[in-house]
Amino acid sequence: MKHYIDITLLPSDDIGVHFLWSKVMMQVHLALVEVQDTNKQVPVAVSFPNYKIRSGEENAFLGNKLRLFANELSDFEHLNINKWFARLQDYVHIKAINAVPDSINVYESYNRITKAGTADKHIRRRMKRHNESEEQAAVFFEGYTMSKEVKALPFIKMKSLGKGMSFNMSIRKTKATRVNNSVRFNTYGFSNDSALPKF
């Protein structure tokens, strides 16, 4: 990745940072949907420079900065991210496009993880989908627990525009070693094969 844009979230007394993350990521998603190709892939990636997982008493948190990456300046020009944040201009600060520093030798990858949820949530969903009683559905999820690893991840509360349902978009960060500049991303800016500069 050769270029980046930093977007800083500016929470206030009436708008908290978690609520703001929901709004920011929805606008990023809508912007990326507009530039997707026929395979529903985009040339722009997202990263979270202040990302941290839950550790001891410290909660998982994405911080207050979102970083967008692209290989070509034209990808950012086509995206026109400022247009998508016009309604949030009091709550975000968008910096100009910058070149990624040449000295970077540490890379990371961000991926969306579907949070498994509680057993009760799965039981209710199974009851609806399979027309089962609560007892029948409960048998299917007997002994189920969400993994500690997934519980430790930061997440953003999102809403599906297609189905109108809310969901928690958990985000996992991993170290990456292989740089592949031809990788494309989904309409949230994630890819399993990405290697984004860490700085």
N, C-alpha and C. Protein backbone atom coordinates (compact mmCIF):
# COMPACT_ATOMS: atom_id res chain seq x y z
N MET A 1 0.83 -1.18 0.00
CA MET A 1 0.00 0.00 0.00
C MET A 1 0.88 1.25 0.00
N LYS A 2 0.56 2.18 -0.87
CA LYS A 2 1.43 3.34 -1.06
C LYS A 2 0.88 4.64 -0.47
N HIS A 3 -0.45 4.70 -0.26
CA HIS A 3 -1.06 5.95 0.20
C HIS A 3 -2.03 5.66 1.34
N TYR A 4 -2.22 6.68 2.19
CA TYR A 4 -3.17 6.50 3.29
C TYR A 4 -3.86 7.81 3.64
N ILE A 5 -5.01 7.66 4.30
CA ILE A 5 -5.76 8.79 4.85
C ILE A 5 -6.09 8.44 6.30
N ASP A 6 -5.80 9.35 7.22
CA ASP A 6 -6.18 9.16 8.62
C ASP A 6 -7.48 9.89 8.91
N ILE A 7 -8.39 9.20 9.57
CA ILE A 7 -9.65 9.78 10.01
C ILE A 7 -9.69 9.66 11.53
N THR A 8 -9.74 10.79 12.22
CA THR A 8 -9.78 10.80 13.67
C THR A 8 -11.20 11.06 14.14
N LEU A 9 -11.68 10.21 15.03
CA LEU A 9 -13.01 10.38 15.60
C LEU A 9 -12.95 11.39 16.73
N LEU A 10 -13.92 12.30 16.78
CA LEU A 10 -13.96 13.36 17.77
C LEU A 10 -15.25 13.26 18.58
N PRO A 11 -15.28 12.36 19.56
CA PRO A 11 -16.49 12.22 20.37
C PRO A 11 -16.75 13.50 21.17
N SER A 12 -17.99 13.67 21.59
CA SER A 12 -18.36 14.84 22.39
C SER A 12 -19.18 14.38 23.58
N ASP A 13 -19.69 15.33 24.36
CA ASP A 13 -20.51 14.97 25.52
C ASP A 13 -21.80 14.25 25.10
N ASP A 14 -22.32 14.60 23.93
CA ASP A 14 -23.58 14.00 23.50
C ASP A 14 -23.40 12.83 22.54
N ILE A 15 -22.23 12.69 21.95
CA ILE A 15 -21.95 11.60 21.01
C ILE A 15 -20.71 10.85 21.50
N GLY A 16 -20.90 9.62 22.01
CA GLY A 16 -19.79 8.83 22.52
C GLY A 16 -18.99 8.17 21.40
N VAL A 17 -17.80 7.72 21.72
CA VAL A 17 -16.91 7.16 20.71
C VAL A 17 -17.46 5.86 20.12
N HIS A 18 -18.13 5.03 20.92
CA HIS A 18 -18.66 3.77 20.39
C HIS A 18 -19.80 4.02 19.40
N PHE A 19 -20.68 4.96 19.72
CA PHE A 19 -21.75 5.33 18.80
C PHE A 19 -21.15 5.92 17.52
N LEU A 20 -20.12 6.72 17.69
CA LEU A 20 -19.46 7.35 16.55
C LEU A 20 -18.80 6.31 15.64
N TRP A 21 -18.20 5.27 16.23
CA TRP A 21 -17.62 4.20 15.40
C TRP A 21 -18.68 3.56 14.51
N SER A 22 -19.88 3.36 15.05
CA SER A 22 -20.96 2.79 14.25
C SER A 22 -21.27 3.66 13.04
N LYS A 23 -21.36 4.95 13.26
CA LYS A 23 -21.67 5.88 12.17
C LYS A 23 -20.53 5.96 11.16
N VAL A 24 -19.31 6.02 11.66
CA VAL A 24 -18.13 6.13 10.78
C VAL A 24 -17.99 4.89 9.90
N MET A 25 -18.08 3.71 10.50
CA MET A 25 -17.92 2.49 9.70
C MET A 25 -19.07 2.29 8.72
N MET A 26 -20.26 2.75 9.08
CA MET A 26 -21.37 2.66 8.12
C MET A 26 -21.09 3.55 6.91
N GLN A 27 -20.57 4.74 7.14
CA GLN A 27 -20.27 5.64 6.02
C GLN A 27 -19.13 5.09 5.16
N VAL A 28 -18.12 4.51 5.80
CA VAL A 28 -17.03 3.89 5.05
C VAL A 28 -17.57 2.73 4.21
N HIS A 29 -18.42 1.92 4.81
CA HIS A 29 -19.02 0.79 4.09
C HIS A 29 -19.82 1.28 2.87
N LEU A 30 -20.64 2.30 3.06
CA LEU A 30 -21.44 2.83 1.96
C LEU A 30 -20.55 3.39 0.85
N ALA A 31 -19.46 4.07 1.23
CA ALA A 31 -18.53 4.60 0.25
C ALA A 31 -17.87 3.48 -0.54
N LEU A 32 -17.48 2.41 0.15
CA LEU A 32 -16.82 1.29 -0.52
C LEU A 32 -17.78 0.52 -1.41
N VAL A 33 -19.03 0.43 -1.01
CA VAL A 33 -20.03 -0.22 -1.87
C VAL A 33 -20.12 0.51 -3.21
N GLU A 34 -20.01 1.83 -3.17
CA GLU A 34 -20.11 2.63 -4.39
C GLU A 34 -18.97 2.38 -5.38
N VAL A 35 -17.80 1.95 -4.87
CA VAL A 35 -16.64 1.76 -5.75
C VAL A 35 -16.30 0.29 -5.98
N GLN A 36 -17.17 -0.62 -5.54
CA GLN A 36 -16.88 -2.05 -5.70
C GLN A 36 -16.91 -2.45 -7.17
N ASP A 37 -16.13 -3.49 -7.48
CA ASP A 37 -16.13 -4.01 -8.85
C ASP A 37 -17.20 -5.08 -8.99
N THR A 38 -17.21 -5.77 -10.11
CA THR A 38 -18.24 -6.78 -10.37
C THR A 38 -18.14 -7.98 -9.41
N ASN A 39 -16.98 -8.15 -8.78
CA ASN A 39 -16.80 -9.24 -7.80
C ASN A 39 -17.04 -8.76 -6.36
N LYS A 40 -17.59 -7.57 -6.22
CA LYS A 40 -17.85 -6.96 -4.91
C LYS A 40 -16.57 -6.78 -4.10
N GLN A 41 -15.50 -6.41 -4.80
CA GLN A 41 -14.20 -6.15 -4.18
C GLN A 41 -13.83 -4.68 -4.40
N VAL A 42 -13.02 -4.14 -3.49
CA VAL A 42 -12.62 -2.73 -3.57
C VAL A 42 -11.10 -2.61 -3.42
N PRO A 43 -10.50 -1.49 -3.89
CA PRO A 43 -9.06 -1.31 -3.78
C PRO A 43 -8.62 -0.58 -2.52
N VAL A 44 -9.54 -0.37 -1.57
CA VAL A 44 -9.23 0.41 -0.36
C VAL A 44 -9.38 -0.49 0.87
N ALA A 45 -8.39 -0.38 1.77
CA ALA A 45 -8.38 -1.18 3.00
C ALA A 45 -8.54 -0.27 4.22
N VAL A 46 -8.98 -0.85 5.32
CA VAL A 46 -9.08 -0.12 6.59
C VAL A 46 -8.13 -0.73 7.61
N SER A 47 -7.64 0.12 8.51
CA SER A 47 -6.87 -0.36 9.65
C SER A 47 -7.17 0.53 10.85
N PHE A 48 -6.77 0.06 12.02
CA PHE A 48 -7.08 0.73 13.28
C PHE A 48 -5.77 0.90 14.06
N PRO A 49 -5.08 2.03 13.91
CA PRO A 49 -3.75 2.21 14.51
C PRO A 49 -3.70 2.07 16.03
N ASN A 50 -4.81 2.31 16.73
CA ASN A 50 -4.82 2.25 18.19
C ASN A 50 -5.54 1.02 18.74
N TYR A 51 -5.65 -0.01 17.92
CA TYR A 51 -6.37 -1.24 18.24
C TYR A 51 -5.77 -1.95 19.46
N LYS A 52 -6.65 -2.46 20.34
CA LYS A 52 -6.18 -3.33 21.44
C LYS A 52 -7.28 -4.30 21.83
N ILE A 53 -6.90 -5.54 22.15
CA ILE A 53 -7.85 -6.55 22.60
C ILE A 53 -8.00 -6.44 24.11
N ARG A 54 -9.00 -7.13 24.65
CA ARG A 54 -9.21 -7.13 26.09
C ARG A 54 -8.04 -7.83 26.76
N SER A 55 -7.55 -7.20 27.82
CA SER A 55 -6.43 -7.78 28.56
C SER A 55 -6.63 -7.48 30.03
N GLY A 56 -6.87 -8.52 30.82
CA GLY A 56 -7.11 -8.34 32.25
C GLY A 56 -8.35 -7.48 32.47
N GLU A 57 -8.17 -6.37 33.18
CA GLU A 57 -9.29 -5.46 33.47
C GLU A 57 -9.50 -4.44 32.34
N GLU A 58 -8.57 -4.38 31.40
CA GLU A 58 -8.64 -3.39 30.32
C GLU A 58 -9.50 -3.91 29.18
N ASN A 59 -10.53 -3.14 28.81
CA ASN A 59 -11.45 -3.55 27.76
C ASN A 59 -10.83 -3.45 26.38
N ALA A 60 -11.36 -4.23 25.46
CA ALA A 60 -10.97 -4.13 24.06
C ALA A 60 -11.42 -2.78 23.53
N PHE A 61 -10.63 -2.18 22.62
CA PHE A 61 -10.97 -0.85 22.13
C PHE A 61 -10.29 -0.61 20.79
N LEU A 62 -11.00 0.04 19.89
CA LEU A 62 -10.43 0.37 18.58
C LEU A 62 -9.69 1.70 18.59
N GLY A 63 -9.77 2.43 19.68
CA GLY A 63 -9.13 3.74 19.73
C GLY A 63 -10.02 4.79 19.10
N ASN A 64 -9.41 5.84 18.56
CA ASN A 64 -10.20 6.91 17.95
C ASN A 64 -9.70 7.26 16.55
N LYS A 65 -8.98 6.32 15.93
CA LYS A 65 -8.45 6.61 14.60
C LYS A 65 -8.69 5.45 13.64
N LEU A 66 -9.12 5.82 12.45
CA LEU A 66 -9.30 4.87 11.35
C LEU A 66 -8.33 5.28 10.25
N ARG A 67 -7.65 4.32 9.68
CA ARG A 67 -6.70 4.61 8.58
C ARG A 67 -7.15 3.86 7.34
N LEU A 68 -7.26 4.57 6.24
CA LEU A 68 -7.60 3.97 4.95
C LEU A 68 -6.33 3.87 4.12
N PHE A 69 -6.17 2.76 3.41
CA PHE A 69 -5.02 2.54 2.55
C PHE A 69 -5.46 2.28 1.11
N ALA A 70 -4.64 2.73 0.18
CA ALA A 70 -4.85 2.43 -1.24
C ALA A 70 -3.50 2.46 -1.95
N ASN A 71 -3.39 1.69 -3.02
CA ASN A 71 -2.15 1.69 -3.79
C ASN A 71 -2.05 2.90 -4.72
N GLU A 72 -3.17 3.31 -5.28
CA GLU A 72 -3.17 4.39 -6.26
C GLU A 72 -3.91 5.61 -5.73
N LEU A 73 -3.40 6.79 -6.04
CA LEU A 73 -4.09 8.02 -5.66
C LEU A 73 -5.49 8.06 -6.27
N SER A 74 -5.61 7.56 -7.47
CA SER A 74 -6.91 7.57 -8.16
C SER A 74 -7.97 6.78 -7.39
N ASP A 75 -7.54 5.76 -6.63
CA ASP A 75 -8.50 4.99 -5.83
C ASP A 75 -9.14 5.88 -4.76
N PHE A 76 -8.34 6.74 -4.13
CA PHE A 76 -8.87 7.66 -3.13
C PHE A 76 -9.70 8.77 -3.78
N GLU A 77 -9.26 9.23 -4.94
CA GLU A 77 -10.01 10.27 -5.63
C GLU A 77 -11.39 9.74 -6.03
N HIS A 78 -11.43 8.52 -6.50
CA HIS A 78 -12.70 7.89 -6.88
C HIS A 78 -13.58 7.70 -5.64
N LEU A 79 -12.98 7.32 -4.53
CA LEU A 79 -13.73 7.08 -3.29
C LEU A 79 -14.37 8.37 -2.77
N ASN A 80 -13.64 9.49 -2.85
CA ASN A 80 -14.14 10.80 -2.40
C ASN A 80 -14.72 10.71 -0.98
N ILE A 81 -13.89 10.29 -0.04
CA ILE A 81 -14.36 10.00 1.32
C ILE A 81 -14.95 11.22 2.02
N ASN A 82 -14.48 12.42 1.70
CA ASN A 82 -15.02 13.62 2.34
C ASN A 82 -16.51 13.78 2.10
N LYS A 83 -16.95 13.40 0.92
CA LYS A 83 -18.38 13.48 0.59
C LYS A 83 -19.21 12.63 1.55
N TRP A 84 -18.70 11.47 1.91
CA TRP A 84 -19.44 10.54 2.74
C TRP A 84 -19.50 10.96 4.21
N PHE A 85 -18.63 11.88 4.59
CA PHE A 85 -18.60 12.34 5.98
C PHE A 85 -19.15 13.75 6.16
N ALA A 86 -19.83 14.26 5.15
CA ALA A 86 -20.36 15.63 5.21
C ALA A 86 -21.27 15.82 6.43
N ARG A 87 -22.10 14.83 6.74
CA ARG A 87 -23.02 14.95 7.88
C ARG A 87 -22.32 14.76 9.22
N LEU A 88 -21.11 14.22 9.21
CA LEU A 88 -20.38 13.97 10.46
C LEU A 88 -19.18 14.90 10.62
N GLN A 89 -19.13 15.99 9.87
CA GLN A 89 -17.93 16.82 9.86
C GLN A 89 -17.57 17.40 11.23
N ASP A 90 -18.53 17.53 12.14
CA ASP A 90 -18.22 18.01 13.49
C ASP A 90 -17.63 16.92 14.37
N TYR A 91 -17.69 15.66 13.91
CA TYR A 91 -17.27 14.54 14.74
C TYR A 91 -16.10 13.75 14.19
N VAL A 92 -15.59 14.15 13.03
CA VAL A 92 -14.41 13.49 12.46
C VAL A 92 -13.46 14.54 11.89
N HIS A 93 -12.19 14.21 11.91
CA HIS A 93 -11.19 15.05 11.25
C HIS A 93 -10.50 14.18 10.21
N ILE A 94 -10.61 14.57 8.96
CA ILE A 94 -10.03 13.79 7.86
C ILE A 94 -8.80 14.51 7.35
N LYS A 95 -7.66 13.84 7.43
CA LYS A 95 -6.41 14.43 6.95
C LYS A 95 -6.29 14.23 5.44
N ALA A 96 -5.38 14.95 4.87
CA ALA A 96 -5.12 14.83 3.43
C ALA A 96 -4.45 13.48 3.13
N ILE A 97 -4.47 13.10 1.88
CA ILE A 97 -3.80 11.86 1.44
C ILE A 97 -2.30 12.02 1.64
N ASN A 98 -1.68 11.01 2.22
CA ASN A 98 -0.23 11.01 2.46
C ASN A 98 0.40 9.76 1.87
N ALA A 99 1.70 9.83 1.63
CA ALA A 99 2.44 8.65 1.17
C ALA A 99 2.84 7.81 2.38
N VAL A 100 2.73 6.51 2.25
CA VAL A 100 3.16 5.60 3.31
C VAL A 100 4.68 5.71 3.43
N PRO A 101 5.22 5.85 4.64
CA PRO A 101 6.67 5.95 4.81
C PRO A 101 7.41 4.76 4.20
N ASP A 102 8.56 5.03 3.61
CA ASP A 102 9.36 3.98 2.96
C ASP A 102 9.97 3.00 3.96
N SER A 103 10.17 3.44 5.18
CA SER A 103 10.91 2.64 6.16
C SER A 103 10.08 1.56 6.85
N ILE A 104 8.85 1.35 6.44
CA ILE A 104 7.98 0.38 7.11
C ILE A 104 8.46 -1.05 6.84
N ASN A 105 8.58 -1.83 7.91
CA ASN A 105 8.91 -3.25 7.75
C ASN A 105 8.07 -4.15 8.65
N VAL A 106 7.01 -3.58 9.23
CA VAL A 106 6.07 -4.33 10.06
C VAL A 106 4.69 -4.21 9.41
N TYR A 107 4.02 -5.35 9.27
CA TYR A 107 2.72 -5.36 8.59
C TYR A 107 1.68 -6.09 9.43
N GLU A 108 0.43 -5.73 9.21
CA GLU A 108 -0.67 -6.34 9.95
C GLU A 108 -1.88 -6.50 9.03
N SER A 109 -2.81 -7.30 9.50
CA SER A 109 -4.01 -7.58 8.73
C SER A 109 -5.21 -7.46 9.66
N TYR A 110 -6.31 -6.94 9.13
CA TYR A 110 -7.55 -6.83 9.90
C TYR A 110 -8.63 -7.62 9.20
N ASN A 111 -9.41 -8.34 10.00
CA ASN A 111 -10.48 -9.16 9.45
C ASN A 111 -11.72 -9.04 10.31
N ARG A 112 -12.84 -9.14 9.66
CA ARG A 112 -14.12 -9.16 10.35
C ARG A 112 -14.37 -10.58 10.84
N ILE A 113 -14.72 -10.71 12.11
CA ILE A 113 -15.02 -12.00 12.69
C ILE A 113 -16.50 -12.00 13.09
N THR A 114 -17.22 -13.01 12.69
CA THR A 114 -18.61 -13.13 13.10
C THR A 114 -18.63 -13.62 14.53
N LYS A 115 -19.08 -12.76 15.41
CA LYS A 115 -19.11 -13.12 16.82
C LYS A 115 -20.18 -14.17 17.04
N ALA A 116 -19.83 -15.21 17.73
CA ALA A 116 -20.73 -16.35 17.86
C ALA A 116 -21.99 -16.03 18.65
N GLY A 117 -21.91 -15.17 19.63
CA GLY A 117 -23.10 -14.83 20.40
C GLY A 117 -23.38 -15.84 21.51
N THR A 118 -24.39 -15.54 22.29
CA THR A 118 -24.77 -16.40 23.41
C THR A 118 -25.59 -17.58 22.91
N ALA A 119 -25.68 -18.60 23.76
CA ALA A 119 -26.50 -19.77 23.41
C ALA A 119 -27.96 -19.36 23.24
N ASP A 120 -28.45 -18.46 24.11
CA ASP A 120 -29.84 -18.00 24.01
C ASP A 120 -30.13 -17.35 22.65
N LYS A 121 -29.18 -16.57 22.17
CA LYS A 121 -29.35 -15.92 20.88
C LYS A 121 -29.46 -16.97 19.76
N HIS A 122 -28.60 -17.97 19.82
CA HIS A 122 -28.62 -19.03 18.79
C HIS A 122 -29.90 -19.86 18.88
N ILE A 123 -30.36 -20.10 20.08
CA ILE A 123 -31.59 -20.87 20.26
C ILE A 123 -32.77 -20.13 19.64
N ARG A 124 -32.87 -18.81 19.93
CA ARG A 124 -33.97 -18.02 19.35
C ARG A 124 -33.91 -18.01 17.83
N ARG A 125 -32.69 -17.89 17.29
CA ARG A 125 -32.53 -17.88 15.84
C ARG A 125 -32.93 -19.23 15.24
N ARG A 126 -32.51 -20.30 15.89
CA ARG A 126 -32.85 -21.65 15.37
C ARG A 126 -34.37 -21.90 15.44
N MET A 127 -35.00 -21.39 16.49
CA MET A 127 -36.45 -21.55 16.60
C MET A 127 -37.17 -20.91 15.41
N LYS A 128 -36.71 -19.73 15.02
CA LYS A 128 -37.33 -19.03 13.90
C LYS A 128 -37.02 -19.71 12.57
N ARG A 129 -35.76 -20.06 12.37
CA ARG A 129 -35.34 -20.61 11.07
C ARG A 129 -35.84 -22.02 10.81
N HIS A 130 -35.94 -22.81 11.87
CA HIS A 130 -36.30 -24.23 11.70
C HIS A 130 -37.67 -24.57 12.26
N ASN A 131 -38.40 -23.53 12.70
CA ASN A 131 -39.74 -23.73 13.25
C ASN A 131 -39.73 -24.79 14.36
N GLU A 132 -38.76 -24.65 15.27
CA GLU A 132 -38.62 -25.60 16.37
C GLU A 132 -39.10 -24.96 17.67
N SER A 133 -39.43 -25.81 18.62
CA SER A 133 -39.75 -25.30 19.96
C SER A 133 -38.45 -24.91 20.65
N GLU A 134 -38.58 -24.19 21.77
CA GLU A 134 -37.38 -23.79 22.52
C GLU A 134 -36.62 -25.02 23.01
N GLU A 135 -37.33 -26.04 23.42
CA GLU A 135 -36.68 -27.25 23.92
C GLU A 135 -35.90 -27.97 22.81
N GLN A 136 -36.51 -28.04 21.62
CA GLN A 136 -35.82 -28.68 20.50
C GLN A 136 -34.55 -27.93 20.12
N ALA A 137 -34.66 -26.61 20.04
CA ALA A 137 -33.50 -25.79 19.66
C ALA A 137 -32.41 -25.84 20.73
N ALA A 138 -32.82 -25.88 22.00
CA ALA A 138 -31.85 -25.91 23.11
C ALA A 138 -31.00 -27.17 23.07
N VAL A 139 -31.58 -28.28 22.65
CA VAL A 139 -30.82 -29.53 22.55
C VAL A 139 -29.67 -29.38 21.56
N PHE A 140 -29.92 -28.66 20.48
CA PHE A 140 -28.90 -28.48 19.44
C PHE A 140 -27.69 -27.70 19.96
N PHE A 141 -27.91 -26.78 20.93
CA PHE A 141 -26.82 -25.93 21.44
C PHE A 141 -26.40 -26.30 22.86
N GLU A 142 -26.69 -27.51 23.27
CA GLU A 142 -26.31 -27.95 24.61
C GLU A 142 -24.79 -27.92 24.76
N GLY A 143 -24.31 -27.30 25.83
CA GLY A 143 -22.88 -27.23 26.10
C GLY A 143 -22.13 -26.15 25.32
N TYR A 144 -22.86 -25.31 24.58
CA TYR A 144 -22.23 -24.27 23.76
C TYR A 144 -21.72 -23.11 24.62
N THR A 145 -20.51 -22.62 24.34
CA THR A 145 -19.99 -21.38 24.94
C THR A 145 -19.19 -20.63 23.88
N MET A 146 -19.21 -19.30 23.98
CA MET A 146 -18.43 -18.48 23.06
C MET A 146 -16.96 -18.53 23.49
N SER A 147 -16.05 -18.60 22.52
CA SER A 147 -14.63 -18.71 22.86
C SER A 147 -14.12 -17.43 23.52
N LYS A 148 -13.17 -17.59 24.43
CA LYS A 148 -12.57 -16.44 25.12
C LYS A 148 -11.86 -15.53 24.12
N GLU A 149 -11.28 -16.12 23.09
CA GLU A 149 -10.57 -15.34 22.08
C GLU A 149 -11.51 -14.37 21.38
N VAL A 150 -12.69 -14.84 21.01
CA VAL A 150 -13.66 -13.99 20.33
C VAL A 150 -14.21 -12.93 21.28
N LYS A 151 -14.44 -13.29 22.53
CA LYS A 151 -14.94 -12.32 23.52
C LYS A 151 -13.95 -11.18 23.74
N ALA A 152 -12.66 -11.42 23.54
CA ALA A 152 -11.63 -10.42 23.80
C ALA A 152 -11.48 -9.39 22.68
N LEU A 153 -12.15 -9.60 21.54
CA LEU A 153 -11.97 -8.72 20.39
C LEU A 153 -12.82 -7.45 20.51
N PRO A 154 -12.28 -6.31 20.04
CA PRO A 154 -13.12 -5.11 19.96
C PRO A 154 -14.14 -5.28 18.85
N PHE A 155 -15.25 -4.58 18.98
CA PHE A 155 -16.29 -4.71 17.96
C PHE A 155 -16.99 -3.37 17.75
N ILE A 156 -17.69 -3.28 16.63
CA ILE A 156 -18.48 -2.10 16.30
C ILE A 156 -19.92 -2.57 16.10
N LYS A 157 -20.85 -1.88 16.72
CA LYS A 157 -22.27 -2.20 16.51
C LYS A 157 -22.67 -1.66 15.15
N MET A 158 -23.17 -2.55 14.30
CA MET A 158 -23.55 -2.17 12.94
C MET A 158 -25.00 -2.55 12.70
N LYS A 159 -25.53 -2.01 11.60
CA LYS A 159 -26.89 -2.36 11.19
C LYS A 159 -26.87 -2.74 9.73
N SER A 160 -27.43 -3.88 9.43
CA SER A 160 -27.53 -4.34 8.05
C SER A 160 -28.60 -3.53 7.33
N LEU A 161 -28.20 -2.84 6.26
CA LEU A 161 -29.17 -2.05 5.52
C LEU A 161 -30.13 -2.94 4.74
N GLY A 162 -29.67 -4.10 4.33
CA GLY A 162 -30.52 -5.02 3.58
C GLY A 162 -31.59 -5.67 4.43
N LYS A 163 -31.20 -6.18 5.60
CA LYS A 163 -32.14 -6.91 6.45
C LYS A 163 -32.64 -6.08 7.63
N GLY A 164 -32.00 -4.94 7.87
CA GLY A 164 -32.42 -4.08 8.98
C GLY A 164 -32.07 -4.61 10.35
N MET A 165 -31.23 -5.64 10.40
CA MET A 165 -30.87 -6.25 11.68
C MET A 165 -29.56 -5.66 12.20
N SER A 166 -29.45 -5.53 13.53
CA SER A 166 -28.21 -5.05 14.14
C SER A 166 -27.29 -6.24 14.40
N PHE A 167 -25.99 -5.99 14.33
CA PHE A 167 -25.02 -7.04 14.63
C PHE A 167 -23.74 -6.41 15.15
N ASN A 168 -22.97 -7.19 15.86
CA ASN A 168 -21.67 -6.75 16.35
C ASN A 168 -20.60 -7.22 15.38
N MET A 169 -19.88 -6.29 14.78
CA MET A 169 -18.81 -6.63 13.86
C MET A 169 -17.50 -6.66 14.64
N SER A 170 -17.09 -7.86 15.05
CA SER A 170 -15.84 -8.03 15.79
C SER A 170 -14.68 -7.96 14.80
N ILE A 171 -13.57 -7.36 15.26
CA ILE A 171 -12.44 -7.14 14.37
C ILE A 171 -11.19 -7.76 14.97
N ARG A 172 -10.55 -8.63 14.19
CA ARG A 172 -9.34 -9.31 14.63
C ARG A 172 -8.13 -8.74 13.88
N LYS A 173 -7.08 -8.45 14.64
CA LYS A 173 -5.83 -7.99 14.05
C LYS A 173 -4.82 -9.12 14.14
N THR A 174 -4.10 -9.38 13.06
CA THR A 174 -3.04 -10.38 13.06
C THR A 174 -1.80 -9.80 12.43
N LYS A 175 -0.65 -10.37 12.78
CA LYS A 175 0.60 -9.97 12.12
C LYS A 175 0.60 -10.53 10.71
N ALA A 176 1.17 -9.78 9.80
CA ALA A 176 1.26 -10.23 8.41
C ALA A 176 2.70 -10.10 7.96
N THR A 177 3.13 -11.03 7.13
CA THR A 177 4.52 -11.00 6.67
C THR A 177 4.63 -10.87 5.16
N ARG A 178 3.66 -11.38 4.46
CA ARG A 178 3.73 -11.41 3.00
C ARG A 178 3.01 -10.20 2.43
N VAL A 179 3.73 -9.33 1.72
CA VAL A 179 3.13 -8.15 1.10
C VAL A 179 2.66 -8.52 -0.30
N ASN A 180 1.39 -8.28 -0.54
CA ASN A 180 0.79 -8.58 -1.83
C ASN A 180 -0.03 -7.36 -2.25
N ASN A 181 0.52 -6.55 -3.15
CA ASN A 181 -0.14 -5.31 -3.54
C ASN A 181 -1.32 -5.50 -4.48
N SER A 182 -1.58 -6.73 -4.89
CA SER A 182 -2.70 -6.97 -5.79
C SER A 182 -3.96 -7.40 -5.04
N VAL A 183 -3.90 -7.44 -3.70
CA VAL A 183 -5.05 -7.87 -2.91
C VAL A 183 -6.19 -6.87 -3.05
N ARG A 184 -7.40 -7.39 -3.14
CA ARG A 184 -8.60 -6.57 -3.13
C ARG A 184 -9.33 -6.84 -1.81
N PHE A 185 -10.22 -5.95 -1.44
CA PHE A 185 -10.85 -5.99 -0.12
C PHE A 185 -12.36 -6.05 -0.25
N ASN A 186 -13.04 -6.50 0.82
CA ASN A 186 -14.50 -6.51 0.79
C ASN A 186 -15.02 -5.10 1.05
N THR A 187 -16.32 -4.94 1.07
CA THR A 187 -16.88 -3.59 1.19
C THR A 187 -16.87 -3.03 2.61
N TYR A 188 -16.15 -3.71 3.51
CA TYR A 188 -15.82 -3.14 4.81
C TYR A 188 -14.34 -2.79 4.88
N GLY A 189 -13.59 -3.10 3.82
CA GLY A 189 -12.17 -2.79 3.77
C GLY A 189 -11.28 -3.88 4.35
N PHE A 190 -11.80 -5.11 4.50
CA PHE A 190 -11.05 -6.21 5.08
C PHE A 190 -10.67 -7.25 4.04
N SER A 191 -9.57 -7.96 4.29
CA SER A 191 -9.17 -9.10 3.47
C SER A 191 -8.30 -10.02 4.30
N ASN A 192 -8.50 -11.32 4.14
CA ASN A 192 -7.67 -12.30 4.85
C ASN A 192 -6.23 -12.32 4.35
N ASP A 193 -6.02 -11.84 3.12
CA ASP A 193 -4.68 -11.91 2.50
C ASP A 193 -3.92 -10.59 2.54
N SER A 194 -4.41 -9.62 3.28
CA SER A 194 -3.77 -8.30 3.24
C SER A 194 -2.53 -8.23 4.14
N ALA A 195 -1.67 -7.29 3.84
CA ALA A 195 -0.52 -6.96 4.68
C ALA A 195 -0.42 -5.45 4.66
N LEU A 196 -0.99 -4.81 5.67
CA LEU A 196 -1.04 -3.35 5.72
C LEU A 196 0.11 -2.81 6.55
N PRO A 197 0.74 -1.73 6.10
CA PRO A 197 1.85 -1.15 6.87
C PRO A 197 1.39 -0.73 8.27
N LYS A 198 2.21 -1.04 9.26
CA LYS A 198 1.89 -0.66 10.64
C LYS A 198 2.80 0.49 11.05
N PHE A 199 2.19 1.61 11.38
CA PHE A 199 2.96 2.78 11.86
C PHE A 199 2.05 3.71 12.65
